[in-house]
Amino acid sequence: MAAWLETQIPDLDDESGECGWGFYKTSTDEFLNKHLDLRSLTIENQKLFGDAIVIGRSKLLDFGEEYSCLNVDFFEIFFNMYLLSEKGEPPLEFSDWSIIKPCNEKTGPGWD
């Protein structure tokens, strides 16, 4: 799962790139958006992703940019959305999206 997720993140190819809601590649002055609907993952991979969110947040808060280029403030919003969804509450309170469409995709490893 981790190896597959690595393929979903763009290669910023420079140290000054930024991660937030998307990825800003300074060398080309390009903003890259990526999309991953967690409902498209297997149940096992959804759990692994959730565990990684919790562990990653702890490391991001402890080590900051030494650990990741992710923006802490944006990640906190993402983390709060994750917590709401884990409690069965609508996570859109922290989202710019107003409508969630059904997901019929199957992405990531484990669907074979």
N, C-alpha and C. Protein backbone atom coordinates (compact mmCIF):
# COMPACT_ATOMS: atom_id res chain seq x y z
N MET A 1 0.83 -1.19 0.00
CA MET A 1 0.00 0.00 0.00
C MET A 1 0.87 1.26 0.00
N ALA A 2 1.89 1.28 0.85
CA ALA A 2 2.76 2.46 0.92
C ALA A 2 3.46 2.72 -0.41
N ALA A 3 3.93 1.65 -1.04
CA ALA A 3 4.62 1.80 -2.32
C ALA A 3 3.66 2.34 -3.38
N TRP A 4 2.43 1.87 -3.38
CA TRP A 4 1.43 2.34 -4.33
C TRP A 4 1.12 3.82 -4.09
N LEU A 5 0.97 4.21 -2.82
CA LEU A 5 0.68 5.61 -2.51
C LEU A 5 1.79 6.53 -2.98
N GLU A 6 3.03 6.08 -2.87
CA GLU A 6 4.17 6.89 -3.35
C GLU A 6 4.01 7.23 -4.83
N THR A 7 3.42 6.34 -5.60
CA THR A 7 3.24 6.60 -7.03
C THR A 7 2.14 7.63 -7.29
N GLN A 8 1.34 7.93 -6.28
CA GLN A 8 0.25 8.88 -6.44
C GLN A 8 0.67 10.32 -6.16
N ILE A 9 1.85 10.50 -5.57
CA ILE A 9 2.35 11.84 -5.23
C ILE A 9 3.29 12.30 -6.33
N PRO A 10 3.08 13.50 -6.86
CA PRO A 10 3.95 13.97 -7.94
C PRO A 10 5.37 14.20 -7.46
N ASP A 11 6.32 14.00 -8.36
CA ASP A 11 7.72 14.29 -8.09
C ASP A 11 7.92 15.79 -8.27
N LEU A 12 8.19 16.49 -7.19
CA LEU A 12 8.34 17.93 -7.27
C LEU A 12 9.67 18.34 -7.87
N ASP A 13 10.63 17.47 -7.89
CA ASP A 13 11.95 17.63 -8.50
C ASP A 13 12.75 18.84 -8.04
N ASP A 14 12.31 19.49 -7.00
CA ASP A 14 13.12 20.55 -6.43
C ASP A 14 12.80 20.70 -4.94
N GLU A 15 13.74 21.20 -4.20
CA GLU A 15 13.60 21.31 -2.75
C GLU A 15 12.60 22.38 -2.34
N SER A 16 12.28 23.31 -3.22
CA SER A 16 11.43 24.43 -2.82
C SER A 16 9.96 24.19 -3.15
N GLY A 17 9.61 23.01 -3.62
CA GLY A 17 8.21 22.71 -3.87
C GLY A 17 7.42 22.70 -2.57
N GLU A 18 6.12 22.86 -2.66
CA GLU A 18 5.29 22.92 -1.47
C GLU A 18 4.14 21.94 -1.59
N CYS A 19 3.68 21.44 -0.43
CA CYS A 19 2.52 20.55 -0.37
C CYS A 19 1.47 21.20 0.52
N GLY A 20 0.25 21.24 0.07
CA GLY A 20 -0.87 21.76 0.85
C GLY A 20 -2.10 21.04 0.35
N TRP A 21 -3.03 21.78 -0.23
CA TRP A 21 -4.19 21.15 -0.85
C TRP A 21 -3.79 20.47 -2.17
N GLY A 22 -2.70 20.87 -2.68
CA GLY A 22 -2.14 20.29 -3.89
C GLY A 22 -0.64 20.40 -3.78
N PHE A 23 0.03 20.32 -4.90
CA PHE A 23 1.49 20.36 -4.90
C PHE A 23 1.93 21.46 -5.85
N TYR A 24 2.73 22.38 -5.33
CA TYR A 24 3.23 23.46 -6.15
C TYR A 24 4.66 23.14 -6.56
N LYS A 25 4.88 23.04 -7.85
CA LYS A 25 6.19 22.73 -8.41
C LYS A 25 6.83 24.04 -8.86
N THR A 26 7.77 24.55 -8.06
CA THR A 26 8.33 25.86 -8.34
C THR A 26 9.14 25.90 -9.63
N SER A 27 9.75 24.78 -10.01
CA SER A 27 10.58 24.79 -11.21
C SER A 27 9.78 25.04 -12.48
N THR A 28 8.50 24.70 -12.46
CA THR A 28 7.66 24.93 -13.63
C THR A 28 6.53 25.91 -13.36
N ASP A 29 6.49 26.45 -12.12
CA ASP A 29 5.42 27.35 -11.71
C ASP A 29 4.06 26.71 -11.96
N GLU A 30 3.94 25.45 -11.58
CA GLU A 30 2.74 24.66 -11.85
C GLU A 30 2.16 24.15 -10.55
N PHE A 31 0.82 24.24 -10.41
CA PHE A 31 0.12 23.70 -9.26
C PHE A 31 -0.53 22.39 -9.67
N LEU A 32 -0.18 21.30 -8.98
CA LEU A 32 -0.68 19.97 -9.32
C LEU A 32 -1.69 19.50 -8.29
N ASN A 33 -2.88 19.14 -8.73
CA ASN A 33 -3.89 18.57 -7.84
C ASN A 33 -3.95 17.07 -8.04
N LYS A 34 -4.10 16.36 -6.95
CA LYS A 34 -4.26 14.91 -7.00
C LYS A 34 -5.54 14.55 -6.28
N HIS A 35 -6.12 13.43 -6.63
CA HIS A 35 -7.39 13.00 -6.06
C HIS A 35 -7.29 11.54 -5.66
N LEU A 36 -7.73 11.22 -4.47
CA LEU A 36 -7.84 9.84 -4.03
C LEU A 36 -9.08 9.72 -3.17
N ASP A 37 -10.07 8.99 -3.65
CA ASP A 37 -11.28 8.74 -2.88
C ASP A 37 -11.01 7.50 -2.03
N LEU A 38 -10.90 7.69 -0.73
CA LEU A 38 -10.55 6.58 0.16
C LEU A 38 -11.57 5.45 0.11
N ARG A 39 -12.79 5.75 -0.30
CA ARG A 39 -13.80 4.69 -0.42
C ARG A 39 -13.46 3.72 -1.54
N SER A 40 -12.55 4.12 -2.44
CA SER A 40 -12.19 3.24 -3.55
C SER A 40 -11.14 2.20 -3.14
N LEU A 41 -10.60 2.34 -1.94
CA LEU A 41 -9.61 1.38 -1.44
C LEU A 41 -10.31 0.19 -0.79
N THR A 42 -9.60 -0.92 -0.72
CA THR A 42 -10.15 -2.07 0.01
C THR A 42 -10.32 -1.68 1.48
N ILE A 43 -11.16 -2.40 2.21
CA ILE A 43 -11.37 -2.12 3.63
C ILE A 43 -10.04 -2.20 4.38
N GLU A 44 -9.23 -3.20 4.08
CA GLU A 44 -7.93 -3.35 4.72
C GLU A 44 -7.05 -2.13 4.44
N ASN A 45 -7.02 -1.68 3.19
CA ASN A 45 -6.19 -0.52 2.85
C ASN A 45 -6.75 0.78 3.43
N GLN A 46 -8.06 0.88 3.61
CA GLN A 46 -8.64 2.03 4.28
C GLN A 46 -8.13 2.10 5.73
N LYS A 47 -8.07 0.94 6.39
CA LYS A 47 -7.56 0.90 7.76
C LYS A 47 -6.08 1.26 7.80
N LEU A 48 -5.30 0.71 6.87
CA LEU A 48 -3.87 1.04 6.81
C LEU A 48 -3.68 2.54 6.58
N PHE A 49 -4.49 3.12 5.70
CA PHE A 49 -4.40 4.55 5.42
C PHE A 49 -4.73 5.35 6.68
N GLY A 50 -5.78 4.94 7.38
CA GLY A 50 -6.15 5.62 8.63
C GLY A 50 -5.05 5.55 9.66
N ASP A 51 -4.44 4.37 9.81
CA ASP A 51 -3.32 4.23 10.75
C ASP A 51 -2.16 5.14 10.35
N ALA A 52 -1.89 5.23 9.05
CA ALA A 52 -0.81 6.08 8.55
C ALA A 52 -1.10 7.56 8.81
N ILE A 53 -2.36 7.96 8.73
CA ILE A 53 -2.73 9.35 9.02
C ILE A 53 -2.37 9.69 10.46
N VAL A 54 -2.72 8.80 11.38
CA VAL A 54 -2.45 9.04 12.80
C VAL A 54 -0.94 9.09 13.07
N ILE A 55 -0.21 8.12 12.55
CA ILE A 55 1.25 8.08 12.75
C ILE A 55 1.93 9.25 12.06
N GLY A 56 1.52 9.53 10.83
CA GLY A 56 2.10 10.64 10.07
C GLY A 56 1.87 11.97 10.73
N ARG A 57 0.69 12.17 11.29
CA ARG A 57 0.38 13.43 11.98
C ARG A 57 1.32 13.61 13.17
N SER A 58 1.50 12.56 13.93
CA SER A 58 2.39 12.64 15.09
C SER A 58 3.80 13.02 14.67
N LYS A 59 4.29 12.39 13.61
CA LYS A 59 5.64 12.69 13.13
C LYS A 59 5.73 14.09 12.55
N LEU A 60 4.69 14.52 11.84
CA LEU A 60 4.69 15.86 11.26
C LEU A 60 4.70 16.92 12.35
N LEU A 61 3.93 16.69 13.41
CA LEU A 61 3.92 17.65 14.52
C LEU A 61 5.25 17.65 15.28
N ASP A 62 5.86 16.48 15.41
CA ASP A 62 7.13 16.38 16.15
C ASP A 62 8.32 16.90 15.35
N PHE A 63 8.36 16.59 14.05
CA PHE A 63 9.57 16.85 13.26
C PHE A 63 9.39 17.90 12.16
N GLY A 64 8.16 18.27 11.86
CA GLY A 64 7.91 19.30 10.85
C GLY A 64 8.51 18.97 9.50
N GLU A 65 9.20 19.94 8.91
CA GLU A 65 9.75 19.78 7.56
C GLU A 65 10.86 18.74 7.48
N GLU A 66 11.44 18.37 8.62
CA GLU A 66 12.43 17.29 8.60
C GLU A 66 11.74 15.97 8.22
N TYR A 67 10.46 15.86 8.53
CA TYR A 67 9.71 14.64 8.23
C TYR A 67 9.01 14.73 6.87
N SER A 68 8.36 15.88 6.59
CA SER A 68 7.57 16.00 5.37
C SER A 68 7.40 17.46 4.98
N CYS A 69 7.17 17.69 3.68
CA CYS A 69 6.90 19.04 3.21
C CYS A 69 5.42 19.40 3.35
N LEU A 70 4.61 18.49 3.89
CA LEU A 70 3.18 18.78 4.06
C LEU A 70 2.97 19.95 5.01
N ASN A 71 2.04 20.80 4.67
CA ASN A 71 1.69 21.94 5.49
C ASN A 71 0.90 21.44 6.71
N VAL A 72 1.38 21.75 7.92
CA VAL A 72 0.77 21.26 9.15
C VAL A 72 -0.68 21.72 9.27
N ASP A 73 -0.98 22.97 8.95
CA ASP A 73 -2.34 23.48 9.09
C ASP A 73 -3.30 22.74 8.16
N PHE A 74 -2.89 22.52 6.92
CA PHE A 74 -3.75 21.77 5.99
C PHE A 74 -3.91 20.33 6.44
N PHE A 75 -2.85 19.74 6.96
CA PHE A 75 -2.93 18.36 7.41
C PHE A 75 -3.87 18.24 8.62
N GLU A 76 -3.89 19.25 9.48
CA GLU A 76 -4.80 19.22 10.63
C GLU A 76 -6.26 19.20 10.18
N ILE A 77 -6.58 19.96 9.14
CA ILE A 77 -7.94 19.93 8.60
C ILE A 77 -8.25 18.53 8.07
N PHE A 78 -7.33 17.97 7.33
CA PHE A 78 -7.48 16.61 6.80
C PHE A 78 -7.64 15.61 7.96
N PHE A 79 -6.83 15.75 9.00
CA PHE A 79 -6.90 14.86 10.16
C PHE A 79 -8.25 14.97 10.86
N ASN A 80 -8.77 16.18 11.01
CA ASN A 80 -10.08 16.37 11.62
C ASN A 80 -11.19 15.74 10.78
N MET A 81 -11.05 15.80 9.46
CA MET A 81 -12.01 15.13 8.58
C MET A 81 -11.96 13.63 8.80
N TYR A 82 -10.76 13.10 8.94
CA TYR A 82 -10.59 11.67 9.21
C TYR A 82 -11.26 11.29 10.53
N LEU A 83 -11.04 12.08 11.59
CA LEU A 83 -11.64 11.78 12.89
C LEU A 83 -13.16 11.79 12.82
N LEU A 84 -13.72 12.78 12.12
CA LEU A 84 -15.18 12.82 11.96
C LEU A 84 -15.70 11.57 11.26
N SER A 85 -15.03 11.17 10.19
CA SER A 85 -15.49 9.99 9.45
C SER A 85 -15.37 8.73 10.30
N GLU A 86 -14.34 8.65 11.15
CA GLU A 86 -14.18 7.49 12.04
C GLU A 86 -15.31 7.42 13.07
N LYS A 87 -15.84 8.58 13.46
CA LYS A 87 -16.95 8.60 14.41
C LYS A 87 -18.30 8.46 13.72
N GLY A 88 -18.28 8.32 12.39
CA GLY A 88 -19.53 8.18 11.64
C GLY A 88 -20.22 9.50 11.37
N GLU A 89 -19.51 10.60 11.60
CA GLU A 89 -20.08 11.92 11.36
C GLU A 89 -19.64 12.42 9.99
N PRO A 90 -20.42 13.32 9.38
CA PRO A 90 -20.04 13.83 8.05
C PRO A 90 -18.74 14.63 8.10
N PRO A 91 -17.73 14.23 7.34
CA PRO A 91 -16.45 14.94 7.36
C PRO A 91 -16.44 16.23 6.56
N LEU A 92 -17.53 16.54 5.86
CA LEU A 92 -17.53 17.72 4.99
C LEU A 92 -17.50 19.04 5.74
N GLU A 93 -17.67 19.01 7.06
CA GLU A 93 -17.61 20.24 7.84
C GLU A 93 -16.29 20.97 7.60
N PHE A 94 -15.23 20.22 7.31
CA PHE A 94 -13.91 20.80 7.09
C PHE A 94 -13.50 20.77 5.63
N SER A 95 -14.46 20.64 4.73
CA SER A 95 -14.14 20.49 3.31
C SER A 95 -14.72 21.64 2.49
N ASP A 96 -14.10 21.90 1.36
CA ASP A 96 -14.64 22.87 0.42
C ASP A 96 -15.70 22.22 -0.48
N TRP A 97 -15.82 20.91 -0.42
CA TRP A 97 -16.81 20.20 -1.23
C TRP A 97 -18.16 20.31 -0.56
N SER A 98 -19.21 20.43 -1.33
CA SER A 98 -20.55 20.49 -0.75
C SER A 98 -21.37 19.24 -1.05
N ILE A 99 -20.94 18.47 -2.02
CA ILE A 99 -21.67 17.27 -2.42
C ILE A 99 -20.69 16.11 -2.56
N ILE A 100 -21.05 14.99 -1.99
CA ILE A 100 -20.24 13.79 -2.19
C ILE A 100 -21.01 12.86 -3.12
N LYS A 101 -20.37 12.50 -4.21
CA LYS A 101 -20.98 11.59 -5.17
C LYS A 101 -20.66 10.16 -4.78
N PRO A 102 -21.51 9.21 -5.15
CA PRO A 102 -21.20 7.80 -4.87
C PRO A 102 -19.88 7.40 -5.52
N CYS A 103 -19.18 6.47 -4.90
CA CYS A 103 -17.91 5.99 -5.42
C CYS A 103 -18.03 4.55 -5.87
N ASN A 104 -17.81 4.32 -7.14
CA ASN A 104 -17.85 2.97 -7.68
C ASN A 104 -16.47 2.50 -8.15
N GLU A 105 -15.44 3.31 -7.89
CA GLU A 105 -14.09 2.98 -8.31
C GLU A 105 -13.47 1.95 -7.39
N LYS A 106 -12.50 1.22 -7.91
CA LYS A 106 -11.68 0.31 -7.12
C LYS A 106 -10.24 0.64 -7.47
N THR A 107 -9.54 1.33 -6.56
CA THR A 107 -8.17 1.71 -6.82
C THR A 107 -7.26 1.16 -5.75
N GLY A 108 -5.99 1.11 -6.07
CA GLY A 108 -5.00 0.63 -5.12
C GLY A 108 -4.86 -0.87 -5.14
N PRO A 109 -3.89 -1.36 -4.39
CA PRO A 109 -3.64 -2.80 -4.35
C PRO A 109 -4.73 -3.55 -3.58
N GLY A 110 -4.83 -4.85 -3.86
CA GLY A 110 -5.71 -5.71 -3.08
C GLY A 110 -7.05 -6.04 -3.69
N TRP A 111 -7.37 -5.47 -4.84
CA TRP A 111 -8.66 -5.74 -5.46
C TRP A 111 -8.65 -6.97 -6.37
N ASP A 112 -7.49 -7.57 -6.58
CA ASP A 112 -7.40 -8.71 -7.51
C ASP A 112 -8.24 -9.88 -7.06
